[in-house]
């Protein structure tokens, strides 16, 4: 390294002002013994740019430069693309506006960038639950990123080697911009109201030979509001996830149409197996019945011929 690594941290926000303040304060509190130059890029994706006053107020309180930009229309892919384009540095980290970085996050990231050759590094995520009594194993798994593996372990988004048990997503991940964010629109707006735009990008990057690595020392906390523990929300989330998975995998295969039908047929077999097991699961109690509903929702999403479920089309309530 010829000089200190320069890092841009991109935060896309949508009508969550209190959470955004806390996210920015966590960046301000990072330990930075090597004086790594940081630039913060906050992308306001609200219809009326209502986060810009918050950004202006926070600018004076932060020890690093803060760029505030508006991105329209409300679409997470539009926001992520705007943030990637505005980020001035070769290293571009994404965090969500409902996350807070661990104080040693920056140390872990700079050490990981120096030690490992991966094009994208994924940090650990732990949920902070507004309603812990309502969070079952499904919620904990959905809103966390945990893997019992050492730093530098290769991760895979697609194919037989796909890493099981964690989601490769942009919440707390670090890109080497020159090898990853090179398309005119890295994040496809077609996914922008239902999610999966990041997984689609990772499938595309893996096909191009890019490498992903695990960085457990780069930790983040993620706030999970009580409404995201609701079974109705989780069913929609799993249905949308099944849709996005099937679309991303098929479009990033050698034969998209054939692969899409292969995924549908596989999902139909999964559906048959689930339906055969349904009476037994129903007798096991409420928790087993909820798990069955979530799995069915994901399978129906993979079978779906409909447009992607717009789970992000309505503003989430403030904290």
Protein backbone atom coordinates (compact mmCIF):
# COMPACT_ATOMS: atom_id res chain seq x y z
CA UNK A 1 0.00 0.00 0.00
CA UNK A 2 1.49 3.34 -1.05
CA UNK A 3 -0.59 5.36 1.40
CA UNK A 4 -3.57 5.00 3.68
CA UNK A 5 -6.57 3.26 2.19
CA UNK A 6 -9.28 5.76 1.31
CA UNK A 7 -12.80 4.51 1.96
CA UNK A 8 -16.22 5.82 0.98
CA UNK A 9 -19.16 4.69 3.12
CA UNK A 10 -22.50 4.84 1.30
CA UNK A 11 -25.77 4.97 3.24
CA UNK A 12 -29.06 4.92 1.33
CA UNK A 13 -31.95 6.28 3.38
CA UNK A 14 -35.72 6.41 3.04
CA UNK A 15 -37.81 8.23 5.65
CA UNK A 16 -35.85 6.97 8.70
CA UNK A 17 -34.30 10.11 10.16
CA UNK A 18 -33.60 8.91 13.69
CA UNK A 19 -32.00 5.71 12.47
CA UNK A 20 -29.93 7.65 9.95
CA UNK A 21 -28.59 9.91 12.73
CA UNK A 22 -27.59 6.86 14.75
CA UNK A 23 -25.91 5.28 11.73
CA UNK A 24 -23.87 8.43 11.12
CA UNK A 25 -22.99 8.74 14.80
CA UNK A 26 -21.65 5.17 14.73
CA UNK A 27 -19.34 6.14 11.86
CA UNK A 28 -18.18 9.20 13.80
CA UNK A 29 -17.35 6.94 16.77
CA UNK A 30 -15.16 4.52 14.78
CA UNK A 31 -11.68 3.95 16.13
CA UNK A 32 -9.26 5.15 13.45
CA UNK A 33 -5.69 4.88 14.77
CA UNK A 34 -4.21 4.86 11.25
CA UNK A 35 -6.11 8.04 10.27
CA UNK A 36 -7.77 6.36 7.31
CA UNK A 37 -9.45 9.02 5.15
CA UNK A 38 -13.20 8.44 5.08
CA UNK A 39 -15.92 10.04 2.98
CA UNK A 40 -19.58 9.53 3.84
CA UNK A 41 -22.15 9.52 1.04
CA UNK A 42 -25.78 9.66 2.16
CA UNK A 43 -28.35 9.08 -0.59
CA UNK A 44 -31.84 10.38 0.17
CA UNK A 45 -34.30 8.24 -1.79
CA UNK A 46 -37.48 9.83 -0.39
CA UNK A 47 -39.90 11.45 -2.82
CA UNK A 48 -39.47 14.91 -1.30
CA UNK A 49 -35.77 14.72 -0.25
CA UNK A 50 -36.83 15.04 3.39
CA UNK A 51 -33.52 13.67 4.76
CA UNK A 52 -31.42 16.52 3.38
CA UNK A 53 -32.01 18.77 6.44
CA UNK A 54 -30.88 15.87 8.65
CA UNK A 55 -27.79 15.46 6.50
CA UNK A 56 -26.99 19.17 6.77
CA UNK A 57 -27.41 19.13 10.55
CA UNK A 58 -25.15 16.08 10.92
CA UNK A 59 -22.41 17.44 8.66
CA UNK A 60 -21.09 19.80 11.35
CA UNK A 61 -21.00 17.01 13.93
CA UNK A 62 -18.96 14.53 11.90
CA UNK A 63 -15.15 14.32 11.70
CA UNK A 64 -15.29 13.23 8.04
CA UNK A 65 -16.57 14.82 4.82
CA UNK A 66 -20.25 14.14 4.22
CA UNK A 67 -21.86 14.25 0.77
CA UNK A 68 -25.65 14.42 0.70
CA UNK A 69 -27.40 13.65 -2.57
CA UNK A 70 -30.98 13.03 -3.64
CA UNK A 71 -31.93 10.11 -5.88
CA UNK A 72 -35.33 9.72 -7.53
CA UNK A 73 -37.65 7.92 -7.99
CA UNK A 74 -38.00 5.97 -4.75
CA UNK A 75 -36.25 2.74 -5.72
CA UNK A 76 -33.40 1.16 -3.73
CA UNK A 77 -31.47 0.32 -6.91
CA UNK A 78 -31.64 3.94 -8.05
CA UNK A 79 -30.31 5.00 -4.64
CA UNK A 80 -27.48 2.45 -4.60
CA UNK A 81 -26.41 3.37 -8.13
CA UNK A 82 -26.35 7.06 -7.21
CA UNK A 83 -24.26 6.30 -4.13
CA UNK A 84 -21.79 4.13 -6.03
CA UNK A 85 -21.38 6.83 -8.70
CA UNK A 86 -20.86 9.58 -6.11
CA UNK A 87 -18.38 7.66 -3.95
CA UNK A 88 -14.95 9.17 -4.72
CA UNK A 89 -12.76 6.33 -3.45
CA UNK A 90 -11.61 2.95 -4.74
CA UNK A 91 -12.96 1.20 -1.64
CA UNK A 92 -16.73 1.60 -1.32
CA UNK A 93 -18.54 0.24 1.73
CA UNK A 94 -22.32 0.04 1.95
CA UNK A 95 -24.26 0.10 5.20
CA UNK A 96 -28.01 0.42 5.70
CA UNK A 97 -29.60 3.38 7.42
CA UNK A 98 -30.86 1.07 10.19
CA UNK A 99 -27.37 -0.20 11.00
CA UNK A 100 -24.64 0.90 13.39
CA UNK A 101 -21.00 -0.02 12.90
CA UNK A 102 -18.94 -1.55 15.67
CA UNK A 103 -16.21 0.78 16.97
CA UNK A 104 -13.47 -1.52 15.58
CA UNK A 105 -15.15 -1.94 12.18
CA UNK A 106 -12.67 0.30 10.36
CA UNK A 107 -9.65 -1.50 11.82
CA UNK A 108 -11.06 -4.88 10.74
CA UNK A 109 -11.83 -3.57 7.24
CA UNK A 110 -8.39 -2.06 6.60
CA UNK A 111 -6.67 -5.19 7.90
CA UNK A 112 -8.93 -7.36 5.74
CA UNK A 113 -8.30 -5.31 2.61
CA UNK A 114 -4.56 -5.63 3.16
CA UNK A 115 -4.65 -9.36 3.95
CA UNK A 116 -7.17 -10.73 1.45
CA UNK A 117 -7.48 -10.40 -2.35
CA UNK A 118 -11.28 -10.61 -2.54
CA UNK A 119 -13.25 -8.15 -4.66
CA UNK A 120 -16.06 -7.91 -2.07
CA UNK A 121 -15.80 -8.52 1.68
CA UNK A 122 -18.86 -9.20 3.84
CA UNK A 123 -18.95 -8.25 7.51
CA UNK A 124 -20.98 -9.80 10.31
CA UNK A 125 -24.45 -8.46 11.17
CA UNK A 126 -26.27 -8.87 14.50
CA UNK A 127 -29.93 -7.87 14.99
CA UNK A 128 -31.10 -5.38 17.62
CA UNK A 129 -34.73 -6.31 18.22
CA UNK A 130 -37.42 -3.81 19.11
CA UNK A 131 -39.63 -6.73 20.23
CA UNK A 132 -37.32 -9.59 21.34
CA UNK A 133 -40.24 -11.64 22.62
CA UNK A 134 -41.69 -11.78 19.11
CA UNK A 135 -38.49 -12.82 17.35
CA UNK A 136 -38.19 -16.50 16.51
CA UNK A 137 -35.33 -18.33 14.79
CA UNK A 138 -36.63 -17.19 11.40
CA UNK A 139 -36.37 -13.52 12.33
CA UNK A 140 -32.92 -13.98 13.85
CA UNK A 141 -31.69 -15.76 10.73
CA UNK A 142 -33.23 -13.28 8.33
CA UNK A 143 -31.74 -10.19 9.99
CA UNK A 144 -28.29 -11.49 10.89
CA UNK A 145 -25.15 -12.57 9.06
CA UNK A 146 -23.28 -15.23 11.00
CA UNK A 147 -20.84 -17.85 9.78
CA UNK A 148 -18.57 -20.12 11.82
CA UNK A 149 -15.58 -19.61 9.54
CA UNK A 150 -12.29 -17.69 9.74
CA UNK A 151 -11.65 -14.34 8.10
CA UNK A 152 -10.78 -14.69 4.42
CA UNK A 153 -13.04 -17.70 3.83
CA UNK A 154 -14.38 -17.66 0.28
CA UNK A 155 -18.11 -17.07 -0.10
CA UNK A 156 -20.24 -18.00 -3.10
CA UNK A 157 -23.51 -16.50 -4.34
CA UNK A 158 -24.62 -19.07 -6.90
CA UNK A 159 -24.20 -22.64 -8.08
CA UNK A 160 -23.36 -25.88 -6.23
CA UNK A 161 -20.82 -24.13 -3.98
CA UNK A 162 -23.34 -21.47 -2.84
CA UNK A 163 -22.63 -20.54 0.77
CA UNK A 164 -25.50 -21.76 2.92
CA UNK A 165 -26.92 -20.07 5.96
CA UNK A 166 -26.09 -16.43 5.19
CA UNK A 167 -27.33 -13.83 2.73
CA UNK A 168 -24.86 -12.00 0.52
CA UNK A 169 -26.31 -8.49 0.56
CA UNK A 170 -25.09 -4.91 0.61
CA UNK A 171 -25.79 -4.35 4.30
CA UNK A 172 -22.26 -4.09 5.72
CA UNK A 173 -20.17 -5.06 2.73
CA UNK A 174 -17.03 -3.59 1.16
CA UNK A 175 -16.36 -3.34 -2.60
CA UNK A 176 -13.18 -2.80 -4.56
CA UNK A 177 -14.86 -0.40 -6.96
CA UNK A 178 -12.65 -0.91 -10.02
CA UNK A 179 -13.46 -4.63 -10.25
CA UNK A 180 -17.09 -4.65 -9.14
CA UNK A 181 -19.05 -1.42 -9.62
CA UNK A 182 -18.12 -0.96 -13.27
CA UNK A 183 -21.51 -1.30 -15.01
CA UNK A 184 -23.44 1.85 -15.86
CA UNK A 185 -26.15 0.67 -13.46
CA UNK A 186 -24.64 -2.01 -11.19
CA UNK A 187 -27.94 -2.44 -9.34
CA UNK A 188 -30.85 -3.25 -11.64
CA UNK A 189 -33.88 -0.96 -11.00
CA UNK A 190 -36.17 -3.89 -11.89
CA UNK A 191 -35.45 -5.22 -8.39
CA UNK A 192 -35.72 -1.82 -6.74
CA UNK A 193 -39.11 -2.15 -5.02
CA UNK A 194 -38.87 -5.77 -3.98
CA UNK A 195 -35.24 -6.32 -3.09
CA UNK A 196 -32.67 -8.69 -4.53
CA UNK A 197 -30.82 -6.05 -6.55
CA UNK A 198 -27.67 -6.75 -4.55
CA UNK A 199 -27.95 -10.53 -4.93
CA UNK A 200 -28.42 -10.06 -8.68
CA UNK A 201 -25.20 -8.03 -8.78
CA UNK A 202 -23.29 -10.65 -6.79
CA UNK A 203 -24.47 -13.42 -9.14
CA UNK A 204 -23.27 -11.32 -12.09
CA UNK A 205 -19.92 -10.62 -10.45
CA UNK A 206 -19.36 -14.28 -9.61
CA UNK A 207 -19.97 -15.23 -13.24
CA UNK A 208 -17.25 -12.73 -14.14
CA UNK A 209 -14.80 -14.44 -11.82
CA UNK A 210 -14.92 -11.98 -8.93
CA UNK A 211 -14.23 -13.30 -5.45
CA UNK A 212 -16.16 -12.78 -2.20
CA UNK A 213 -14.70 -13.13 1.28
CA UNK A 214 -15.87 -13.35 4.88
CA UNK A 215 -14.75 -10.66 7.33
CA UNK A 216 -16.30 -11.44 10.74
CA UNK A 217 -14.34 -8.73 12.57
CA UNK A 218 -16.15 -6.01 10.61
CA UNK A 219 -19.32 -6.06 12.71
CA UNK A 220 -22.55 -4.11 12.43
CA UNK A 221 -25.76 -4.00 14.44
CA UNK A 222 -29.09 -3.83 12.59
CA UNK A 223 -32.28 -2.48 14.15
CA UNK A 224 -35.29 -4.75 13.55
CA UNK A 225 -38.66 -3.03 14.19
CA UNK A 226 -41.48 -5.03 15.72
CA UNK A 227 -43.49 -4.97 12.48
CA UNK A 228 -40.82 -7.08 10.79
CA UNK A 229 -41.63 -9.89 13.20
CA UNK A 230 -45.22 -10.04 11.94
CA UNK A 231 -46.00 -13.33 10.14
CA UNK A 232 -47.78 -11.42 7.36
CA UNK A 233 -44.67 -9.32 6.68
CA UNK A 234 -42.39 -12.36 6.83
CA UNK A 235 -44.56 -14.26 4.35
CA UNK A 236 -44.35 -11.35 1.90
CA UNK A 237 -40.61 -11.13 2.50
CA UNK A 238 -40.04 -14.82 1.77
CA UNK A 239 -42.31 -14.70 -1.29
CA UNK A 240 -40.40 -11.69 -2.65
CA UNK A 241 -37.13 -13.40 -1.78
CA UNK A 242 -38.13 -16.49 -3.74
CA UNK A 243 -39.03 -14.35 -6.74
CA UNK A 244 -35.78 -12.37 -6.60
CA UNK A 245 -33.66 -15.49 -6.14
CA UNK A 246 -35.20 -17.23 -9.14
CA UNK A 247 -34.91 -14.15 -11.36
CA UNK A 248 -31.31 -13.38 -10.36
CA UNK A 249 -30.09 -16.96 -10.74
CA UNK A 250 -31.81 -17.53 -14.07
CA UNK A 251 -30.76 -14.25 -15.70
CA UNK A 252 -27.15 -14.88 -14.67
CA UNK A 253 -27.04 -18.34 -16.19
CA UNK A 254 -25.91 -19.39 -19.66
CA UNK A 255 -29.52 -20.09 -20.69
CA UNK A 256 -31.88 -17.83 -18.68
CA UNK A 257 -35.20 -19.21 -19.97
CA UNK A 258 -34.18 -22.83 -19.52
CA UNK A 259 -32.78 -22.12 -16.06
CA UNK A 260 -35.94 -20.27 -15.01
CA UNK A 261 -38.09 -23.25 -15.92
CA UNK A 262 -35.64 -25.61 -14.21
CA UNK A 263 -36.02 -23.56 -11.03
CA UNK A 264 -39.82 -23.60 -11.35
CA UNK A 265 -39.88 -27.40 -11.74
CA UNK A 266 -37.56 -27.82 -8.78
CA UNK A 267 -39.80 -25.53 -6.74
CA UNK A 268 -42.89 -27.55 -7.73
CA UNK A 269 -41.19 -30.68 -6.37
CA UNK A 270 -40.40 -28.78 -3.16
CA UNK A 271 -44.04 -27.72 -2.98
CA UNK A 272 -45.25 -31.32 -3.29
CA UNK A 273 -42.90 -32.44 -0.50
CA UNK A 274 -44.01 -29.58 1.74
CA UNK A 275 -47.68 -30.30 1.15
CA UNK A 276 -47.17 -33.97 1.99
CA UNK A 277 -45.52 -32.99 5.26
CA UNK A 278 -48.10 -30.27 6.05
CA UNK A 279 -50.47 -32.40 8.22
CA UNK A 280 -47.61 -33.46 10.48
CA UNK A 281 -46.26 -29.90 10.73
CA UNK A 282 -49.74 -28.63 11.53
CA UNK A 283 -49.98 -30.97 14.49
CA UNK A 284 -46.67 -29.77 15.94
CA UNK A 285 -48.06 -26.39 16.93
CA UNK A 286 -48.09 -22.72 16.02
CA UNK A 287 -44.34 -22.34 15.50
CA UNK A 288 -44.15 -25.26 13.05
CA UNK A 289 -47.19 -23.92 11.19
CA UNK A 290 -45.53 -20.49 10.83
CA UNK A 291 -42.33 -22.08 9.52
CA UNK A 292 -44.36 -24.06 7.00
CA UNK A 293 -46.08 -20.87 5.79
CA UNK A 294 -42.73 -19.11 5.31
CA UNK A 295 -41.26 -22.03 3.38
CA UNK A 296 -44.36 -22.26 1.20
CA UNK A 297 -44.20 -18.52 0.51
CA UNK A 298 -40.59 -18.84 -0.66
CA UNK A 299 -41.44 -21.78 -2.92
CA UNK A 300 -44.42 -19.97 -4.44
CA UNK A 301 -42.12 -17.02 -5.10
CA UNK A 302 -39.77 -19.26 -7.09
CA UNK A 303 -42.70 -20.61 -9.12
CA UNK A 304 -44.26 -17.17 -9.68
CA UNK A 305 -44.96 -15.70 -13.09
CA UNK A 306 -45.92 -12.34 -11.53
CA UNK A 307 -43.88 -9.16 -11.25
CA UNK A 308 -41.63 -8.83 -8.23
CA UNK A 309 -43.50 -8.23 -4.97
CA UNK A 310 -43.08 -4.52 -4.05
CA UNK A 311 -42.24 -4.89 -0.37
CA UNK A 312 -40.33 -1.57 -0.33
CA UNK A 313 -42.94 0.52 -2.11
CA UNK A 314 -44.42 2.00 1.08
CA UNK A 315 -42.36 4.02 3.58
CA UNK A 316 -41.62 2.11 6.77
CA UNK A 317 -42.83 3.78 9.97
CA UNK A 318 -40.32 5.87 11.91
CA UNK A 319 -38.60 4.49 14.94
